Amino acid sequence: MTALAFFMNLCARMESIHPHLRKSTLLSAPSMEYKGRAFAMIYDDRIVLKLDGQTLPDSGILGWQYYKPYGQPVYLQKWVEVPFYYHTDWHELVEKALDGIKDSLGEE
């Protein structure tokens, strides 16, 4: 299964669980958004998630890095790329990113 196919299946599962969640695009890439706010997208073979500093992995995890589209380190602050190699962690990470969006909206 490709990273894109895995991401689209993940989107479908998440949409069935969470109201107000929908597929969208961000920077021309397939993404997920909650109430109009994007929090996850697929980029090449990596998922890119909006995670705050408390949910970032230890720096020792190989392949995880801050997302810097077009070499701009400030454009999408707090967005992290996670390679397809770690796809078994993607669902949990998407849930954390969604929780972060809900927190920023004052929801639980």
PDB file of N, CA and C in Angstrom:
ATOM      1  N   MET A   1       0.849  -1.172   0.000  1.00  0.00           N
ATOM      2  CA  MET A   1       0.000   0.000   0.000  1.00  0.00           C
ATOM      3  C   MET A   1       0.900   1.243   0.000  1.00  0.00           C
ATOM      4  N   THR A   2       0.523   2.221  -0.775  1.00  0.00           N
ATOM      5  CA  THR A   2       1.302   3.457  -0.837  1.00  0.00           C
ATOM      6  C   THR A   2       0.940   4.373   0.323  1.00  0.00           C
ATOM      7  N   ALA A   3       1.768   5.363   0.551  1.00  0.00           N
ATOM      8  CA  ALA A   3       1.504   6.333   1.613  1.00  0.00           C
ATOM      9  C   ALA A   3       0.204   7.080   1.343  1.00  0.00           C
ATOM     10  N   LEU A   4      -0.037   7.455   0.079  1.00  0.00           N
ATOM     11  CA  LEU A   4      -1.261   8.178  -0.262  1.00  0.00           C
ATOM     12  C   LEU A   4      -2.491   7.315  -0.002  1.00  0.00           C
ATOM     13  N   ALA A   5      -2.463   6.054  -0.419  1.00  0.00           N
ATOM     14  CA  ALA A   5      -3.600   5.156  -0.189  1.00  0.00           C
ATOM     15  C   ALA A   5      -3.833   4.957   1.311  1.00  0.00           C
ATOM     16  N   PHE A   6      -2.765   4.787   2.067  1.00  0.00           N
ATOM     17  CA  PHE A   6      -2.899   4.625   3.514  1.00  0.00           C
ATOM     18  C   PHE A   6      -3.514   5.882   4.136  1.00  0.00           C
ATOM     19  N   PHE A   7      -3.050   7.064   3.697  1.00  0.00           N
ATOM     20  CA  PHE A   7      -3.571   8.325   4.217  1.00  0.00           C
ATOM     21  C   PHE A   7      -5.057   8.476   3.882  1.00  0.00           C
ATOM     22  N   MET A   8      -5.453   8.133   2.661  1.00  0.00           N
ATOM     23  CA  MET A   8      -6.856   8.274   2.279  1.00  0.00           C
ATOM     24  C   MET A   8      -7.739   7.315   3.077  1.00  0.00           C
ATOM     25  N   ASN A   9      -7.265   6.100   3.343  1.00  0.00           N
ATOM     26  CA  ASN A   9      -8.008   5.178   4.208  1.00  0.00           C
ATOM     27  C   ASN A   9      -8.116   5.731   5.622  1.00  0.00           C
ATOM     28  N   LEU A  10      -7.033   6.314   6.098  1.00  0.00           N
ATOM     29  CA  LEU A  10      -7.038   6.927   7.427  1.00  0.00           C
ATOM     30  C   LEU A  10      -8.050   8.072   7.479  1.00  0.00           C
ATOM     31  N   CYS A  11      -8.090   8.884   6.438  1.00  0.00           N
ATOM     32  CA  CYS A  11      -9.068   9.982   6.367  1.00  0.00           C
ATOM     33  C   CYS A  11     -10.489   9.440   6.454  1.00  0.00           C
ATOM     34  N   ALA A  12     -10.780   8.391   5.696  1.00  0.00           N
ATOM     35  CA  ALA A  12     -12.125   7.815   5.695  1.00  0.00           C
ATOM     36  C   ALA A  12     -12.503   7.292   7.084  1.00  0.00           C
ATOM     37  N   ARG A  13     -11.567   6.617   7.749  1.00  0.00           N
ATOM     38  CA  ARG A  13     -11.843   6.123   9.110  1.00  0.00           C
ATOM     39  C   ARG A  13     -12.087   7.277  10.072  1.00  0.00           C
ATOM     40  N   MET A  14     -11.259   8.315   9.968  1.00  0.00           N
ATOM     41  CA  MET A  14     -11.397   9.464  10.876  1.00  0.00           C
ATOM     42  C   MET A  14     -12.718  10.199  10.640  1.00  0.00           C
ATOM     43  N   GLU A  15     -13.135  10.328   9.379  1.00  0.00           N
ATOM     44  CA  GLU A  15     -14.398  10.993   9.068  1.00  0.00           C
ATOM     45  C   GLU A  15     -15.585  10.250   9.669  1.00  0.00           C
ATOM     46  N   SER A  16     -15.501   8.933   9.727  1.00  0.00           N
ATOM     47  CA  SER A  16     -16.600   8.153  10.290  1.00  0.00           C
ATOM     48  C   SER A  16     -16.659   8.261  11.813  1.00  0.00           C
ATOM     49  N   ILE A  17     -15.551   8.622  12.435  1.00  0.00           N
ATOM     50  CA  ILE A  17     -15.485   8.714  13.896  1.00  0.00           C
ATOM     51  C   ILE A  17     -15.796  10.124  14.406  1.00  0.00           C
ATOM     52  N   HIS A  18     -15.275  11.126  13.711  1.00  0.00           N
ATOM     53  CA  HIS A  18     -15.344  12.505  14.204  1.00  0.00           C
ATOM     54  C   HIS A  18     -16.241  13.384  13.334  1.00  0.00           C
ATOM     55  N   PRO A  19     -17.256  13.990  13.949  1.00  0.00           N
ATOM     56  CA  PRO A  19     -18.062  14.948  13.187  1.00  0.00           C
ATOM     57  C   PRO A  19     -17.233  16.207  12.887  1.00  0.00           C
ATOM     58  N   HIS A  20     -17.608  16.906  11.861  1.00  0.00           N
ATOM     59  CA  HIS A  20     -16.953  18.153  11.427  1.00  0.00           C
ATOM     60  C   HIS A  20     -15.584  17.923  10.798  1.00  0.00           C
ATOM     61  N   LEU A  21     -15.208  16.695  10.591  1.00  0.00           N
ATOM     62  CA  LEU A  21     -13.930  16.391   9.958  1.00  0.00           C
ATOM     63  C   LEU A  21     -14.193  16.143   8.480  1.00  0.00           C
ATOM     64  N   ARG A  22     -13.317  16.682   7.621  1.00  0.00           N
ATOM     65  CA  ARG A  22     -13.502  16.427   6.194  1.00  0.00           C
ATOM     66  C   ARG A  22     -12.174  16.452   5.466  1.00  0.00           C
ATOM     67  N   LYS A  23     -12.161  15.810   4.297  1.00  0.00           N
ATOM     68  CA  LYS A  23     -10.977  15.839   3.442  1.00  0.00           C
ATOM     69  C   LYS A  23     -10.926  17.186   2.736  1.00  0.00           C
ATOM     70  N   SER A  24      -9.718  17.657   2.504  1.00  0.00           N
ATOM     71  CA  SER A  24      -9.521  18.936   1.847  1.00  0.00           C
ATOM     72  C   SER A  24      -8.179  18.905   1.131  1.00  0.00           C
ATOM     73  N   THR A  25      -7.678  20.071   0.754  1.00  0.00           N
ATOM     74  CA  THR A  25      -6.322  20.176   0.217  1.00  0.00           C
ATOM     75  C   THR A  25      -5.606  21.323   0.912  1.00  0.00           C
ATOM     76  N   LEU A  26      -4.313  21.157   1.088  1.00  0.00           N
ATOM     77  CA  LEU A  26      -3.456  22.185   1.667  1.00  0.00           C
ATOM     78  C   LEU A  26      -2.170  22.164   0.855  1.00  0.00           C
ATOM     79  N   LEU A  27      -1.800  23.298   0.286  1.00  0.00           N
ATOM     80  CA  LEU A  27      -0.624  23.383  -0.580  1.00  0.00           C
ATOM     81  C   LEU A  27      -0.707  22.341  -1.702  1.00  0.00           C
ATOM     82  N   SER A  28      -1.898  22.179  -2.251  1.00  0.00           N
ATOM     83  CA  SER A  28      -2.189  21.239  -3.343  1.00  0.00           C
ATOM     84  C   SER A  28      -2.025  19.774  -2.947  1.00  0.00           C
ATOM     85  N   ALA A  29      -1.980  19.483  -1.677  1.00  0.00           N
ATOM     86  CA  ALA A  29      -1.837  18.112  -1.195  1.00  0.00           C
ATOM     87  C   ALA A  29      -3.112  17.687  -0.467  1.00  0.00           C
ATOM     88  N   PRO A  30      -3.501  16.411  -0.551  1.00  0.00           N
ATOM     89  CA  PRO A  30      -4.650  15.926   0.211  1.00  0.00           C
ATOM     90  C   PRO A  30      -4.434  16.169   1.709  1.00  0.00           C
ATOM     91  N   SER A  31      -5.474  16.659   2.358  1.00  0.00           N
ATOM     92  CA  SER A  31      -5.348  16.967   3.784  1.00  0.00           C
ATOM     93  C   SER A  31      -6.649  16.667   4.511  1.00  0.00           C
ATOM     94  N   MET A  32      -6.584  16.766   5.848  1.00  0.00           N
ATOM     95  CA  MET A  32      -7.755  16.658   6.705  1.00  0.00           C
ATOM     96  C   MET A  32      -7.912  17.977   7.440  1.00  0.00           C
ATOM     97  N   GLU A  33      -9.152  18.372   7.602  1.00  0.00           N
ATOM     98  CA  GLU A  33      -9.401  19.590   8.370  1.00  0.00           C
ATOM     99  C   GLU A  33     -10.588  19.392   9.295  1.00  0.00           C
ATOM    100  N   TYR A  34     -10.568  20.153  10.353  1.00  0.00           N
ATOM    101  CA  TYR A  34     -11.633  20.140  11.355  1.00  0.00           C
ATOM    102  C   TYR A  34     -12.160  21.556  11.464  1.00  0.00           C
ATOM    103  N   LYS A  35     -13.432  21.733  11.134  1.00  0.00           N
ATOM    104  CA  LYS A  35     -14.074  23.046  11.164  1.00  0.00           C
ATOM    105  C   LYS A  35     -13.247  24.091  10.414  1.00  0.00           C
ATOM    106  N   GLY A  36     -12.754  23.708   9.253  1.00  0.00           N
ATOM    107  CA  GLY A  36     -12.019  24.633   8.400  1.00  0.00           C
ATOM    108  C   GLY A  36     -10.550  24.818   8.717  1.00  0.00           C
ATOM    109  N   ARG A  37     -10.040  24.097   9.694  1.00  0.00           N
ATOM    110  CA  ARG A  37      -8.625  24.216  10.069  1.00  0.00           C
ATOM    111  C   ARG A  37      -7.890  22.916   9.755  1.00  0.00           C
ATOM    112  N   ALA A  38      -6.921  23.011   8.865  1.00  0.00           N
ATOM    113  CA  ALA A  38      -6.145  21.835   8.480  1.00  0.00           C
ATOM    114  C   ALA A  38      -5.218  21.424   9.621  1.00  0.00           C
ATOM    115  N   PHE A  39      -5.048  20.108   9.777  1.00  0.00           N
ATOM    116  CA  PHE A  39      -4.154  19.620  10.824  1.00  0.00           C
ATOM    117  C   PHE A  39      -3.311  18.428  10.367  1.00  0.00           C
ATOM    118  N   ALA A  40      -3.589  17.886   9.189  1.00  0.00           N
ATOM    119  CA  ALA A  40      -2.807  16.757   8.668  1.00  0.00           C
ATOM    120  C   ALA A  40      -2.882  16.756   7.148  1.00  0.00           C
ATOM    121  N   MET A  41      -1.766  16.384   6.524  1.00  0.00           N
ATOM    122  CA  MET A  41      -1.753  16.257   5.066  1.00  0.00           C
ATOM    123  C   MET A  41      -0.692  15.242   4.667  1.00  0.00           C
ATOM    124  N   ILE A  42      -0.759  14.807   3.422  1.00  0.00           N
ATOM    125  CA  ILE A  42       0.229  13.879   2.900  1.00  0.00           C
ATOM    126  C   ILE A  42       1.145  14.647   1.956  1.00  0.00           C
ATOM    127  N   TYR A  43       2.427  14.403   2.067  1.00  0.00           N
ATOM    128  CA  TYR A  43       3.413  15.055   1.203  1.00  0.00           C
ATOM    129  C   TYR A  43       4.420  13.995   0.785  1.00  0.00           C
ATOM    130  N   ASP A  44       4.426  13.652  -0.499  1.00  0.00           N
ATOM    131  CA  ASP A  44       5.227  12.548  -1.018  1.00  0.00           C
ATOM    132  C   ASP A  44       4.893  11.277  -0.229  1.00  0.00           C
ATOM    133  N   ASP A  45       5.849  10.712   0.473  1.00  0.00           N
ATOM    134  CA  ASP A  45       5.596   9.489   1.239  1.00  0.00           C
ATOM    135  C   ASP A  45       5.574   9.758   2.738  1.00  0.00           C
ATOM    136  N   ARG A  46       5.223  10.992   3.104  1.00  0.00           N
ATOM    137  CA  ARG A  46       5.223  11.386   4.519  1.00  0.00           C
ATOM    138  C   ARG A  46       3.899  12.039   4.889  1.00  0.00           C
ATOM    139  N   ILE A  47       3.477  11.804   6.126  1.00  0.00           N
ATOM    140  CA  ILE A  47       2.346  12.551   6.645  1.00  0.00           C
ATOM    141  C   ILE A  47       2.927  13.786   7.331  1.00  0.00           C
ATOM    142  N   VAL A  48       2.227  14.893   7.208  1.00  0.00           N
ATOM    143  CA  VAL A  48       2.656  16.142   7.819  1.00  0.00           C
ATOM    144  C   VAL A  48       1.547  16.555   8.771  1.00  0.00           C
ATOM    145  N   LEU A  49       1.910  16.738  10.037  1.00  0.00           N
ATOM    146  CA  LEU A  49       0.929  16.974  11.098  1.00  0.00           C
ATOM    147  C   LEU A  49       1.241  18.240  11.874  1.00  0.00           C
ATOM    148  N   LYS A  50       0.183  18.920  12.291  1.00  0.00           N
ATOM    149  CA  LYS A  50       0.362  20.079  13.162  1.00  0.00           C
ATOM    150  C   LYS A  50       0.373  19.566  14.600  1.00  0.00           C
ATOM    151  N   LEU A  51       1.560  19.568  15.195  1.00  0.00           N
ATOM    152  CA  LEU A  51       1.733  19.084  16.566  1.00  0.00           C
ATOM    153  C   LEU A  51       2.468  20.134  17.371  1.00  0.00           C
ATOM    154  N   ASP A  52       2.023  20.348  18.601  1.00  0.00           N
ATOM    155  CA  ASP A  52       2.753  21.309  19.437  1.00  0.00           C
ATOM    156  C   ASP A  52       3.984  20.643  20.037  1.00  0.00           C
ATOM    157  N   GLY A  53       4.807  21.420  20.667  1.00  0.00           N
ATOM    158  CA  GLY A  53       6.071  20.920  21.186  1.00  0.00           C
ATOM    159  C   GLY A  53       5.941  19.791  22.185  1.00  0.00           C
ATOM    160  N   GLN A  54       4.833  19.708  22.881  1.00  0.00           N
ATOM    161  CA  GLN A  54       4.675  18.672  23.897  1.00  0.00           C
ATOM    162  C   GLN A  54       4.388  17.304  23.293  1.00  0.00           C
ATOM    163  N   THR A  55       3.902  17.268  22.055  1.00  0.00           N
ATOM    164  CA  THR A  55       3.604  15.987  21.433  1.00  0.00           C
ATOM    165  C   THR A  55       4.647  15.589  20.400  1.00  0.00           C
ATOM    166  N   LEU A  56       5.709  16.377  20.267  1.00  0.00           N
ATOM    167  CA  LEU A  56       6.763  16.021  19.341  1.00  0.00           C
ATOM    168  C   LEU A  56       7.541  14.828  19.884  1.00  0.00           C
ATOM    169  N   PRO A  57       8.054  13.999  18.983  1.00  0.00           N
ATOM    170  CA  PRO A  57       8.819  12.836  19.434  1.00  0.00           C
ATOM    171  C   PRO A  57      10.190  13.248  19.940  1.00  0.00           C
ATOM    172  N   ASP A  58      10.858  12.317  20.597  1.00  0.00           N
ATOM    173  CA  ASP A  58      12.244  12.556  20.981  1.00  0.00           C
ATOM    174  C   ASP A  58      13.062  12.789  19.728  1.00  0.00           C
ATOM    175  N   SER A  59      14.078  13.594  19.846  1.00  0.00           N
ATOM    176  CA  SER A  59      14.885  13.926  18.675  1.00  0.00           C
ATOM    177  C   SER A  59      15.614  12.705  18.118  1.00  0.00           C
ATOM    178  N   GLY A  60      15.640  11.619  18.854  1.00  0.00           N
ATOM    179  CA  GLY A  60      16.342  10.430  18.402  1.00  0.00           C
ATOM    180  C   GLY A  60      15.590   9.601  17.373  1.00  0.00           C
ATOM    181  N   ILE A  61      14.321   9.939  17.090  1.00  0.00           N
ATOM    182  CA  ILE A  61      13.553   9.163  16.126  1.00  0.00           C
ATOM    183  C   ILE A  61      13.974   9.569  14.729  1.00  0.00           C
ATOM    184  N   LEU A  62      14.532   8.635  14.016  1.00  0.00           N
ATOM    185  CA  LEU A  62      15.087   8.885  12.700  1.00  0.00           C
ATOM    186  C   LEU A  62      13.993   9.212  11.685  1.00  0.00           C
ATOM    187  N   GLY A  63      14.178  10.279  10.948  1.00  0.00           N
ATOM    188  CA  GLY A  63      13.269  10.610   9.867  1.00  0.00           C
ATOM    189  C   GLY A  63      12.216  11.636  10.220  1.00  0.00           C
ATOM    190  N   TRP A  64      11.965  11.878  11.492  1.00  0.00           N
ATOM    191  CA  TRP A  64      10.992  12.893  11.874  1.00  0.00           C
ATOM    192  C   TRP A  64      11.676  14.245  11.806  1.00  0.00           C
ATOM    193  N   GLN A  65      11.001  15.208  11.224  1.00  0.00           N
ATOM    194  CA  GLN A  65      11.580  16.545  11.138  1.00  0.00           C
ATOM    195  C   GLN A  65      10.473  17.575  10.992  1.00  0.00           C
ATOM    196  N   TYR A  66      10.813  18.823  11.274  1.00  0.00           N
ATOM    197  CA  TYR A  66       9.861  19.898  11.038  1.00  0.00           C
ATOM    198  C   TYR A  66       9.658  20.068   9.552  1.00  0.00           C
ATOM    199  N   TYR A  67       8.444  20.353   9.161  1.00  0.00           N
ATOM    200  CA  TYR A  67       8.091  20.518   7.760  1.00  0.00           C
ATOM    201  C   TYR A  67       8.518  21.907   7.302  1.00  0.00           C
ATOM    202  N   LYS A  68       9.256  21.965   6.219  1.00  0.00           N
ATOM    203  CA  LYS A  68       9.747  23.228   5.670  1.00  0.00           C
ATOM    204  C   LYS A  68       9.455  23.272   4.175  1.00  0.00           C
ATOM    205  N   PRO A  69       8.210  23.585   3.808  1.00  0.00           N
ATOM    206  CA  PRO A  69       7.894  23.619   2.383  1.00  0.00           C
ATOM    207  C   PRO A  69       8.668  24.717   1.678  1.00  0.00           C
ATOM    208  N   TYR A  70       9.198  24.358   0.542  1.00  0.00           N
ATOM    209  CA  TYR A  70       9.934  25.329  -0.273  1.00  0.00           C
ATOM    210  C   TYR A  70      11.092  25.950   0.492  1.00  0.00           C
ATOM    211  N   GLY A  71      11.624  25.246   1.491  1.00  0.00           N
ATOM    212  CA  GLY A  71      12.763  25.728   2.249  1.00  0.00           C
ATOM    213  C   GLY A  71      12.444  26.840   3.233  1.00  0.00           C
ATOM    214  N   GLN A  72      11.164  27.110   3.451  1.00  0.00           N
ATOM    215  CA  GLN A  72      10.765  28.181   4.367  1.00  0.00           C
ATOM    216  C   GLN A  72      10.517  27.613   5.764  1.00  0.00           C
ATOM    217  N   PRO A  73      11.433  27.794   6.693  1.00  0.00           N
ATOM    218  CA  PRO A  73      11.278  27.170   8.018  1.00  0.00           C
ATOM    219  C   PRO A  73      10.164  27.773   8.862  1.00  0.00           C
ATOM    220  N   VAL A  74       9.671  28.958   8.525  1.00  0.00           N
ATOM    221  CA  VAL A  74       8.691  29.618   9.377  1.00  0.00           C
ATOM    222  C   VAL A  74       7.267  29.452   8.855  1.00  0.00           C
ATOM    223  N   TYR A  75       7.113  29.062   7.591  1.00  0.00           N
ATOM    224  CA  TYR A  75       5.803  29.056   6.944  1.00  0.00           C
ATOM    225  C   TYR A  75       4.749  28.256   7.708  1.00  0.00           C
ATOM    226  N   LEU A  76       5.050  27.029   8.031  1.00  0.00           N
ATOM    227  CA  LEU A  76       4.118  26.187   8.782  1.00  0.00           C
ATOM    228  C   LEU A  76       4.789  25.753  10.079  1.00  0.00           C
ATOM    229  N   GLN A  77       4.808  26.641  11.040  1.00  0.00           N
ATOM    230  CA  GLN A  77       5.442  26.321  12.308  1.00  0.00           C
ATOM    231  C   GLN A  77       4.672  25.209  13.012  1.00  0.00           C
ATOM    232  N   LYS A  78       5.401  24.389  13.708  1.00  0.00           N
ATOM    233  CA  LYS A  78       4.850  23.278  14.492  1.00  0.00           C
ATOM    234  C   LYS A  78       4.271  22.170  13.637  1.00  0.00           C
ATOM    235  N   TRP A  79       4.598  22.111  12.365  1.00  0.00           N
ATOM    236  CA  TRP A  79       4.188  21.011  11.505  1.00  0.00           C
ATOM    237  C   TRP A  79       5.358  20.050  11.390  1.00  0.00           C
ATOM    238  N   VAL A  80       5.076  18.772  11.557  1.00  0.00           N
ATOM    239  CA  VAL A  80       6.113  17.751  11.599  1.00  0.00           C
ATOM    240  C   VAL A  80       5.862  16.714  10.501  1.00  0.00           C
ATOM    241  N   GLU A  81       6.924  16.328   9.807  1.00  0.00           N
ATOM    242  CA  GLU A  81       6.858  15.271   8.802  1.00  0.00           C
ATOM    243  C   GLU A  81       7.185  13.935   9.467  1.00  0.00           C
ATOM    244  N   VAL A  82       6.386  12.927   9.157  1.00  0.00           N
ATOM    245  CA  VAL A  82       6.641  11.582   9.667  1.00  0.00           C
ATOM    246  C   VAL A  82       6.627  10.629   8.470  1.00  0.00           C
ATOM    247  N   PRO A  83       7.739   9.967   8.201  1.00  0.00           N
ATOM    248  CA  PRO A  83       7.832   9.085   7.036  1.00  0.00           C
ATOM    249  C   PRO A  83       6.861   7.905   7.094  1.00  0.00           C
ATOM    250  N   PHE A  84       6.561   7.356   5.918  1.00  0.00           N
ATOM    251  CA  PHE A  84       5.672   6.208   5.809  1.00  0.00           C
ATOM    252  C   PHE A  84       6.192   5.010   6.604  1.00  0.00           C
ATOM    253  N   TYR A  85       7.473   4.950   6.832  1.00  0.00           N
ATOM    254  CA  TYR A  85       8.058   3.881   7.638  1.00  0.00           C
ATOM    255  C   TYR A  85       7.347   3.766   8.992  1.00  0.00           C
ATOM    256  N   TYR A  86       6.882   4.887   9.525  1.00  0.00           N
ATOM    257  CA  TYR A  86       6.195   4.919  10.823  1.00  0.00           C
ATOM    258  C   TYR A  86       4.672   4.961  10.663  1.00  0.00           C
ATOM    259  N   HIS A  87       4.137   4.437   9.562  1.00  0.00           N
ATOM    260  CA  HIS A  87       2.698   4.542   9.311  1.00  0.00           C
ATOM    261  C   HIS A  87       1.847   3.884  10.391  1.00  0.00           C
ATOM    262  N   THR A  88       2.399   2.947  11.133  1.00  0.00           N
ATOM    263  CA  THR A  88       1.624   2.337  12.221  1.00  0.00           C
ATOM    264  C   THR A  88       1.345   3.339  13.339  1.00  0.00           C
ATOM    265  N   ASP A  89       2.098   4.423  13.389  1.00  0.00           N
ATOM    266  CA  ASP A  89       1.891   5.480  14.390  1.00  0.00           C
ATOM    267  C   ASP A  89       0.996   6.601  13.879  1.00  0.00           C
ATOM    268  N   TRP A  90       0.702   6.615  12.587  1.00  0.00           N
ATOM    269  CA  TRP A  90      -0.009   7.742  12.003  1.00  0.00           C
ATOM    270  C   TRP A  90      -1.368   7.998  12.643  1.00  0.00           C
ATOM    271  N   HIS A  91      -2.147   6.938  12.905  1.00  0.00           N
ATOM    272  CA  HIS A  91      -3.491   7.155  13.464  1.00  0.00           C
ATOM    273  C   HIS A  91      -3.410   7.865  14.811  1.00  0.00           C
ATOM    274  N   GLU A  92      -2.527   7.397  15.664  1.00  0.00           N
ATOM    275  CA  GLU A  92      -2.364   8.028  16.987  1.00  0.00           C
ATOM    276  C   GLU A  92      -1.901   9.482  16.847  1.00  0.00           C
ATOM    277  N   LEU A  93      -0.999   9.729  15.924  1.00  0.00           N
ATOM    278  CA  LEU A  93      -0.498  11.089  15.716  1.00  0.00           C
ATOM    279  C   LEU A  93      -1.578  12.010  15.149  1.00  0.00           C
ATOM    280  N   VAL A  94      -2.404  11.486  14.253  1.00  0.00           N
ATOM    281  CA  VAL A  94      -3.505  12.283  13.710  1.00  0.00           C
ATOM    282  C   VAL A  94      -4.482  12.638  14.824  1.00  0.00           C
ATOM    283  N   GLU A  95      -4.758  11.691  15.711  1.00  0.00           N
ATOM    284  CA  GLU A  95      -5.645  11.967  16.852  1.00  0.00           C
ATOM    285  C   GLU A  95      -5.051  13.080  17.732  1.00  0.00           C
ATOM    286  N   LYS A  96      -3.742  13.037  17.968  1.00  0.00           N
ATOM    287  CA  LYS A  96      -3.091  14.092  18.771  1.00  0.00           C
ATOM    288  C   LYS A  96      -3.187  15.442  18.077  1.00  0.00           C
ATOM    289  N   ALA A  97      -2.978  15.455  16.768  1.00  0.00           N
ATOM    290  CA  ALA A  97      -3.085  16.703  16.017  1.00  0.00           C
ATOM    291  C   ALA A  97      -4.512  17.236  16.053  1.00  0.00           C
ATOM    292  N   LEU A  98      -5.499  16.356  15.927  1.00  0.00           N
ATOM    293  CA  LEU A  98      -6.900  16.765  16.013  1.00  0.00           C
ATOM    294  C   LEU A  98      -7.215  17.316  17.398  1.00  0.00           C
ATOM    295  N   ASP A  99      -6.719  16.660  18.436  1.00  0.00           N
ATOM    296  CA  ASP A  99      -6.921  17.162  19.797  1.00  0.00           C
ATOM    297  C   ASP A  99      -6.333  18.560  19.952  1.00  0.00           C
ATOM    298  N   GLY A 100      -5.185  18.797  19.339  1.00  0.00           N
ATOM    299  CA  GLY A 100      -4.571  20.120  19.400  1.00  0.00           C
ATOM    300  C   GLY A 100      -5.432  21.181  18.741  1.00  0.00           C
ATOM    301  N   ILE A 101      -6.048  20.850  17.609  1.00  0.00           N
ATOM    302  CA  ILE A 101      -6.949  21.791  16.926  1.00  0.00           C
ATOM    303  C   ILE A 101      -8.168  22.052  17.794  1.00  0.00           C
ATOM    304  N   LYS A 102      -8.726  20.997  18.372  1.00  0.00           N
ATOM    305  CA  LYS A 102      -9.907  21.172  19.239  1.00  0.00           C
ATOM    306  C   LYS A 102      -9.560  22.046  20.446  1.00  0.00           C
ATOM    307  N   ASP A 103      -8.387  21.834  21.030  1.00  0.00           N
ATOM    308  CA  ASP A 103      -7.947  22.659  22.160  1.00  0.00           C
ATOM    309  C   ASP A 103      -7.837  24.123  21.768  1.00  0.00           C
ATOM    310  N   SER A 104      -7.289  24.371  20.571  1.00  0.00           N
ATOM    311  CA  SER A 104      -7.126  25.756  20.132  1.00  0.00           C
ATOM    312  C   SER A 104      -8.477  26.434  19.880  1.00  0.00           C
ATOM    313  N   LEU A 105      -9.521  25.625  19.635  1.00  0.00           N
ATOM    314  CA  LEU A 105     -10.865  26.154  19.447  1.00  0.00           C
ATOM    315  C   LEU A 105     -11.655  26.191  20.755  1.00  0.00           C
ATOM    316  N   GLY A 106     -11.034  25.746  21.853  1.00  0.00           N
ATOM    317  CA  GLY A 106     -11.705  25.737  23.145  1.00  0.00           C
ATOM    318  C   GLY A 106     -12.674  24.582  23.307  1.00  0.00           C
ATOM    319  N   GLU A 107     -12.471  23.522  22.561  1.00  0.00           N
ATOM    320  CA  GLU A 107     -13.333  22.336  22.652  1.00  0.00           C
ATOM    321  C   GLU A 107     -12.604  21.234  23.388  1.00  0.00           C
ATOM    322  N   GLU A 108     -13.377  20.229  23.793  1.00  0.00           N
ATOM    323  CA  GLU A 108     -12.756  19.069  24.442  1.00  0.00           C
ATOM    324  C   GLU A 108     -12.929  17.851  23.597  1.00  0.00           C
TER     325      GLU A 108
END
